[in-house]
Amino acid sequence: MGDEPLDNKEMINSTDNFEVVYESHAKSIYKFLFWRTKDAQLAEDLTSTTFEKAWASRASFHGGSVKSWLYRIARNVLIDHWRKKKELLVEVTDALYEDTRPSAGELLDTKLQVQDLKKALDKLPEDMHSVVTMRFIEGLSCRQVAKNLSLSESNVRVLQYRALKKLKEYLK
């Protein structure tokens, strides 16, 4: 029952069918979540939450690809997790700024790191330099960078990957 379509009645009325769905798709959902979180424990928790939500909302399944339905639920679970994490980070960051100020040594270290990074960026070819600048300094999405540079999104991702790899080498 890997990617076979189920109708609504099959999903709602059969625990066995849902168990087969779980066994068929749990690993791929876990990999999907792990790839995005890079945290095995978190990916397991989010996978569990995905299937709990799928079980609870199985009445909303109206037939079709079970795999697509599960991936949509997993994506929403991940987005919810990031939203909660972002709210927590904002609270923690606010608390940190109230309690601590960087020392002169920390400011000097930061300034030296920025100078090293600028030197490394200047060593990059122009296209890689542009991609890194737009993505990480200006905060643009891959789609926006691709549009600005008249490239495909996949080309931007490849340039970004190669640029970051070179920067890592330069900063060693």
C-alpha atoms as a PDB file:
ATOM      1  CA  MET A   1       0.000   0.000   0.000  1.00  0.00           C
ATOM      2  CA  GLY A   2       3.029   2.243  -0.477  1.00  0.00           C
ATOM      3  CA  ASP A   3       1.682   5.048  -2.619  1.00  0.00           C
ATOM      4  CA  GLU A   4      -1.624   3.519  -3.618  1.00  0.00           C
ATOM      5  CA  PRO A   5      -4.552   5.887  -3.390  1.00  0.00           C
ATOM      6  CA  LEU A   6      -7.099   5.178  -0.683  1.00  0.00           C
ATOM      7  CA  ASP A   7     -10.617   6.366  -0.608  1.00  0.00           C
ATOM      8  CA  ASN A   8     -12.027   8.223   2.379  1.00  0.00           C
ATOM      9  CA  LYS A   9     -13.899   5.209   3.835  1.00  0.00           C
ATOM     10  CA  GLU A  10     -10.792   3.027   3.797  1.00  0.00           C
ATOM     11  CA  MET A  11      -8.820   5.641   5.743  1.00  0.00           C
ATOM     12  CA  ILE A  12     -11.532   6.403   8.296  1.00  0.00           C
ATOM     13  CA  ASN A  13     -12.878   2.944   9.016  1.00  0.00           C
ATOM     14  CA  SER A  14      -9.778   0.798   9.200  1.00  0.00           C
ATOM     15  CA  THR A  15      -7.128   0.903  11.885  1.00  0.00           C
ATOM     16  CA  ASP A  16      -5.257  -1.757   9.915  1.00  0.00           C
ATOM     17  CA  ASN A  17      -5.122   0.471   6.843  1.00  0.00           C
ATOM     18  CA  PHE A  18      -3.732   3.333   8.906  1.00  0.00           C
ATOM     19  CA  GLU A  19      -1.141   1.012  10.454  1.00  0.00           C
ATOM     20  CA  VAL A  20      -0.019  -0.001   6.966  1.00  0.00           C
ATOM     21  CA  VAL A  21       0.116   3.684   5.998  1.00  0.00           C
ATOM     22  CA  TYR A  22       2.313   4.349   9.038  1.00  0.00           C
ATOM     23  CA  GLU A  23       4.656   1.451   8.270  1.00  0.00           C
ATOM     24  CA  SER A  24       4.893   2.472   4.611  1.00  0.00           C
ATOM     25  CA  HIS A  25       5.592   6.167   5.154  1.00  0.00           C
ATOM     26  CA  ALA A  26       7.113   6.704   8.613  1.00  0.00           C
ATOM     27  CA  LYS A  27      10.714   6.418   7.378  1.00  0.00           C
ATOM     28  CA  SER A  28      10.240   8.832   4.486  1.00  0.00           C
ATOM     29  CA  ILE A  29       8.433  11.363   6.707  1.00  0.00           C
ATOM     30  CA  TYR A  30      11.238  11.047   9.284  1.00  0.00           C
ATOM     31  CA  LYS A  31      13.880  11.637   6.584  1.00  0.00           C
ATOM     32  CA  PHE A  32      11.942  14.636   5.289  1.00  0.00           C
ATOM     33  CA  LEU A  33      11.864  16.160   8.797  1.00  0.00           C
ATOM     34  CA  PHE A  34      15.431  15.179   9.686  1.00  0.00           C
ATOM     35  CA  TRP A  35      16.769  16.777   6.495  1.00  0.00           C
ATOM     36  CA  ARG A  36      15.193  20.076   7.532  1.00  0.00           C
ATOM     37  CA  THR A  37      16.004  19.994  11.266  1.00  0.00           C
ATOM     38  CA  LYS A  38      19.340  18.115  11.336  1.00  0.00           C
ATOM     39  CA  ASP A  39      18.257  16.810  14.754  1.00  0.00           C
ATOM     40  CA  ALA A  40      17.380  13.099  15.058  1.00  0.00           C
ATOM     41  CA  GLN A  41      15.405  13.433  18.301  1.00  0.00           C
ATOM     42  CA  LEU A  42      13.437  16.416  17.046  1.00  0.00           C
ATOM     43  CA  ALA A  43      12.720  14.668  13.731  1.00  0.00           C
ATOM     44  CA  GLU A  44      11.382  11.649  15.654  1.00  0.00           C
ATOM     45  CA  ASP A  45       9.148  13.890  17.759  1.00  0.00           C
ATOM     46  CA  LEU A  46       7.860  15.751  14.715  1.00  0.00           C
ATOM     47  CA  THR A  47       7.254  12.459  12.873  1.00  0.00           C
ATOM     48  CA  SER A  48       5.229  11.232  15.815  1.00  0.00           C
ATOM     49  CA  THR A  49       3.246  14.470  15.885  1.00  0.00           C
ATOM     50  CA  THR A  50       2.654  14.176  12.131  1.00  0.00           C
ATOM     51  CA  PHE A  51       1.078  10.740  12.455  1.00  0.00           C
ATOM     52  CA  GLU A  52      -0.913  11.762  15.531  1.00  0.00           C
ATOM     53  CA  LYS A  53      -2.374  14.657  13.547  1.00  0.00           C
ATOM     54  CA  ALA A  54      -2.979  12.391  10.555  1.00  0.00           C
ATOM     55  CA  TRP A  55      -4.868   9.920  12.764  1.00  0.00           C
ATOM     56  CA  ALA A  56      -6.895  12.679  14.400  1.00  0.00           C
ATOM     57  CA  SER A  57      -7.757  14.318  11.079  1.00  0.00           C
ATOM     58  CA  ARG A  58      -8.207  11.186   8.978  1.00  0.00           C
ATOM     59  CA  ALA A  59     -11.843  12.171   8.393  1.00  0.00           C
ATOM     60  CA  SER A  60     -10.557  15.136   6.381  1.00  0.00           C
ATOM     61  CA  PHE A  61      -8.768  12.773   3.991  1.00  0.00           C
ATOM     62  CA  HIS A  62     -10.826  12.775   0.797  1.00  0.00           C
ATOM     63  CA  GLY A  63      -9.003  10.117  -1.171  1.00  0.00           C
ATOM     64  CA  GLY A  64      -5.958  10.323  -3.377  1.00  0.00           C
ATOM     65  CA  SER A  65      -2.293  10.042  -2.502  1.00  0.00           C
ATOM     66  CA  VAL A  66      -1.744   9.254   1.153  1.00  0.00           C
ATOM     67  CA  LYS A  67       1.923  10.180   0.781  1.00  0.00           C
ATOM     68  CA  SER A  68       1.097  13.711  -0.392  1.00  0.00           C
ATOM     69  CA  TRP A  69      -1.397  14.128   2.433  1.00  0.00           C
ATOM     70  CA  LEU A  70       1.194  13.016   5.025  1.00  0.00           C
ATOM     71  CA  TYR A  71       3.888  15.291   3.605  1.00  0.00           C
ATOM     72  CA  ARG A  72       1.512  18.243   3.776  1.00  0.00           C
ATOM     73  CA  ILE A  73       0.787  17.446   7.441  1.00  0.00           C
ATOM     74  CA  ALA A  74       4.518  17.025   8.165  1.00  0.00           C
ATOM     75  CA  ARG A  75       5.288  20.354   6.518  1.00  0.00           C
ATOM     76  CA  ASN A  76       2.629  22.086   8.626  1.00  0.00           C
ATOM     77  CA  VAL A  77       3.956  20.421  11.803  1.00  0.00           C
ATOM     78  CA  LEU A  78       7.452  21.678  10.948  1.00  0.00           C
ATOM     79  CA  ILE A  79       6.197  25.211  10.283  1.00  0.00           C
ATOM     80  CA  ASP A  80       4.363  25.184  13.633  1.00  0.00           C
ATOM     81  CA  HIS A  81       7.561  24.032  15.342  1.00  0.00           C
ATOM     82  CA  TRP A  82       9.599  26.838  13.752  1.00  0.00           C
ATOM     83  CA  ARG A  83       7.002  29.417  14.751  1.00  0.00           C
ATOM     84  CA  LYS A  84       7.093  28.273  18.380  1.00  0.00           C
ATOM     85  CA  LYS A  85      10.881  28.187  18.338  1.00  0.00           C
ATOM     86  CA  LYS A  86      11.034  31.696  16.848  1.00  0.00           C
ATOM     87  CA  GLU A  87       8.764  33.052  19.594  1.00  0.00           C
ATOM     88  CA  LEU A  88      10.947  31.392  22.234  1.00  0.00           C
ATOM     89  CA  LEU A  89      14.140  32.752  20.656  1.00  0.00           C
ATOM     90  CA  VAL A  90      12.734  36.276  20.642  1.00  0.00           C
ATOM     91  CA  GLU A  91      11.938  36.015  24.363  1.00  0.00           C
ATOM     92  CA  VAL A  92      15.373  34.549  25.189  1.00  0.00           C
ATOM     93  CA  THR A  93      17.157  37.137  23.036  1.00  0.00           C
ATOM     94  CA  ASP A  94      15.296  39.975  24.726  1.00  0.00           C
ATOM     95  CA  ALA A  95      16.328  38.625  28.124  1.00  0.00           C
ATOM     96  CA  LEU A  96      19.962  38.325  27.022  1.00  0.00           C
ATOM     97  CA  TYR A  97      20.134  41.923  25.816  1.00  0.00           C
ATOM     98  CA  GLU A  98      18.798  43.164  29.124  1.00  0.00           C
ATOM     99  CA  ASP A  99      21.396  41.284  31.166  1.00  0.00           C
ATOM    100  CA  THR A 100      24.637  41.402  29.189  1.00  0.00           C
ATOM    101  CA  ARG A 101      26.684  43.752  27.090  1.00  0.00           C
ATOM    102  CA  PRO A 102      29.650  42.658  25.023  1.00  0.00           C
ATOM    103  CA  SER A 103      33.063  43.377  26.479  1.00  0.00           C
ATOM    104  CA  ALA A 104      35.726  45.305  24.590  1.00  0.00           C
ATOM    105  CA  GLY A 105      37.492  42.016  23.827  1.00  0.00           C
ATOM    106  CA  GLU A 106      34.338  40.490  22.377  1.00  0.00           C
ATOM    107  CA  LEU A 107      33.772  43.560  20.216  1.00  0.00           C
ATOM    108  CA  LEU A 108      37.350  43.373  18.953  1.00  0.00           C
ATOM    109  CA  ASP A 109      36.984  39.641  18.180  1.00  0.00           C
ATOM    110  CA  THR A 110      33.785  40.332  16.266  1.00  0.00           C
ATOM    111  CA  LYS A 111      35.419  43.158  14.322  1.00  0.00           C
ATOM    112  CA  LEU A 112      38.352  40.897  13.375  1.00  0.00           C
ATOM    113  CA  GLN A 113      35.971  38.121  12.297  1.00  0.00           C
ATOM    114  CA  VAL A 114      34.043  40.550  10.111  1.00  0.00           C
ATOM    115  CA  GLN A 115      37.289  41.744   8.504  1.00  0.00           C
ATOM    116  CA  ASP A 116      38.345  38.136   7.819  1.00  0.00           C
ATOM    117  CA  LEU A 117      34.944  37.407   6.321  1.00  0.00           C
ATOM    118  CA  LYS A 118      35.123  40.476   4.068  1.00  0.00           C
ATOM    119  CA  LYS A 119      38.567  39.393   2.819  1.00  0.00           C
ATOM    120  CA  ALA A 120      37.269  35.876   2.148  1.00  0.00           C
ATOM    121  CA  LEU A 121      34.206  37.243   0.328  1.00  0.00           C
ATOM    122  CA  ASP A 122      36.448  39.367  -1.883  1.00  0.00           C
ATOM    123  CA  LYS A 123      38.316  36.220  -2.975  1.00  0.00           C
ATOM    124  CA  LEU A 124      35.100  34.666  -4.341  1.00  0.00           C
ATOM    125  CA  PRO A 125      34.214  34.885  -8.031  1.00  0.00           C
ATOM    126  CA  GLU A 126      31.687  37.643  -8.766  1.00  0.00           C
ATOM    127  CA  ASP A 127      28.662  35.354  -9.205  1.00  0.00           C
ATOM    128  CA  MET A 128      29.305  33.547  -5.906  1.00  0.00           C
ATOM    129  CA  HIS A 129      29.982  36.843  -4.136  1.00  0.00           C
ATOM    130  CA  SER A 130      26.663  38.233  -5.399  1.00  0.00           C
ATOM    131  CA  VAL A 131      24.713  35.163  -4.313  1.00  0.00           C
ATOM    132  CA  VAL A 132      26.216  35.127  -0.803  1.00  0.00           C
ATOM    133  CA  THR A 133      25.710  38.864  -0.385  1.00  0.00           C
ATOM    134  CA  MET A 134      22.097  38.777  -1.502  1.00  0.00           C
ATOM    135  CA  ARG A 135      21.201  35.623   0.432  1.00  0.00           C
ATOM    136  CA  PHE A 136      22.929  36.238   3.761  1.00  0.00           C
ATOM    137  CA  ILE A 137      23.588  39.957   4.030  1.00  0.00           C
ATOM    138  CA  GLU A 138      20.494  41.302   2.290  1.00  0.00           C
ATOM    139  CA  GLY A 139      18.338  38.347   3.423  1.00  0.00           C
ATOM    140  CA  LEU A 140      16.765  37.613   0.035  1.00  0.00           C
ATOM    141  CA  SER A 141      15.207  34.250  -0.808  1.00  0.00           C
ATOM    142  CA  CYS A 142      16.616  31.942  -3.491  1.00  0.00           C
ATOM    143  CA  ARG A 143      13.725  32.939  -5.738  1.00  0.00           C
ATOM    144  CA  GLN A 144      14.465  36.647  -5.331  1.00  0.00           C
ATOM    145  CA  VAL A 145      18.204  36.160  -5.930  1.00  0.00           C
ATOM    146  CA  ALA A 146      17.474  34.066  -9.018  1.00  0.00           C
ATOM    147  CA  LYS A 147      15.214  36.796 -10.373  1.00  0.00           C
ATOM    148  CA  ASN A 148      17.762  39.548  -9.637  1.00  0.00           C
ATOM    149  CA  LEU A 149      20.637  37.658 -11.274  1.00  0.00           C
ATOM    150  CA  SER A 150      18.567  36.122 -14.106  1.00  0.00           C
ATOM    151  CA  LEU A 151      19.438  32.593 -12.979  1.00  0.00           C
ATOM    152  CA  SER A 152      17.385  29.532 -12.091  1.00  0.00           C
ATOM    153  CA  GLU A 153      16.717  28.839  -8.407  1.00  0.00           C
ATOM    154  CA  SER A 154      18.675  25.591  -8.617  1.00  0.00           C
ATOM    155  CA  ASN A 155      21.631  27.464 -10.095  1.00  0.00           C
ATOM    156  CA  VAL A 156      21.499  29.925  -7.189  1.00  0.00           C
ATOM    157  CA  ARG A 157      21.514  27.024  -4.715  1.00  0.00           C
ATOM    158  CA  VAL A 158      24.521  25.428  -6.431  1.00  0.00           C
ATOM    159  CA  LEU A 159      26.425  28.729  -6.424  1.00  0.00           C
ATOM    160  CA  GLN A 160      25.519  29.261  -2.777  1.00  0.00           C
ATOM    161  CA  TYR A 161      26.740  25.780  -1.835  1.00  0.00           C
ATOM    162  CA  ARG A 162      30.021  26.223  -3.690  1.00  0.00           C
ATOM    163  CA  ALA A 163      30.554  29.710  -2.290  1.00  0.00           C
ATOM    164  CA  LEU A 164      30.010  28.576   1.293  1.00  0.00           C
ATOM    165  CA  LYS A 165      32.392  25.675   0.752  1.00  0.00           C
ATOM    166  CA  LYS A 166      35.078  28.071  -0.553  1.00  0.00           C
ATOM    167  CA  LEU A 167      34.465  30.522   2.293  1.00  0.00           C
ATOM    168  CA  LYS A 168      34.945  27.719   4.786  1.00  0.00           C
ATOM    169  CA  GLU A 169      38.290  26.873   3.161  1.00  0.00           C
ATOM    170  CA  TYR A 170      39.382  30.518   3.133  1.00  0.00           C
ATOM    171  CA  LEU A 171      38.500  31.023   6.798  1.00  0.00           C
ATOM    172  CA  LYS A 172      40.435  27.997   8.096  1.00  0.00           C
END
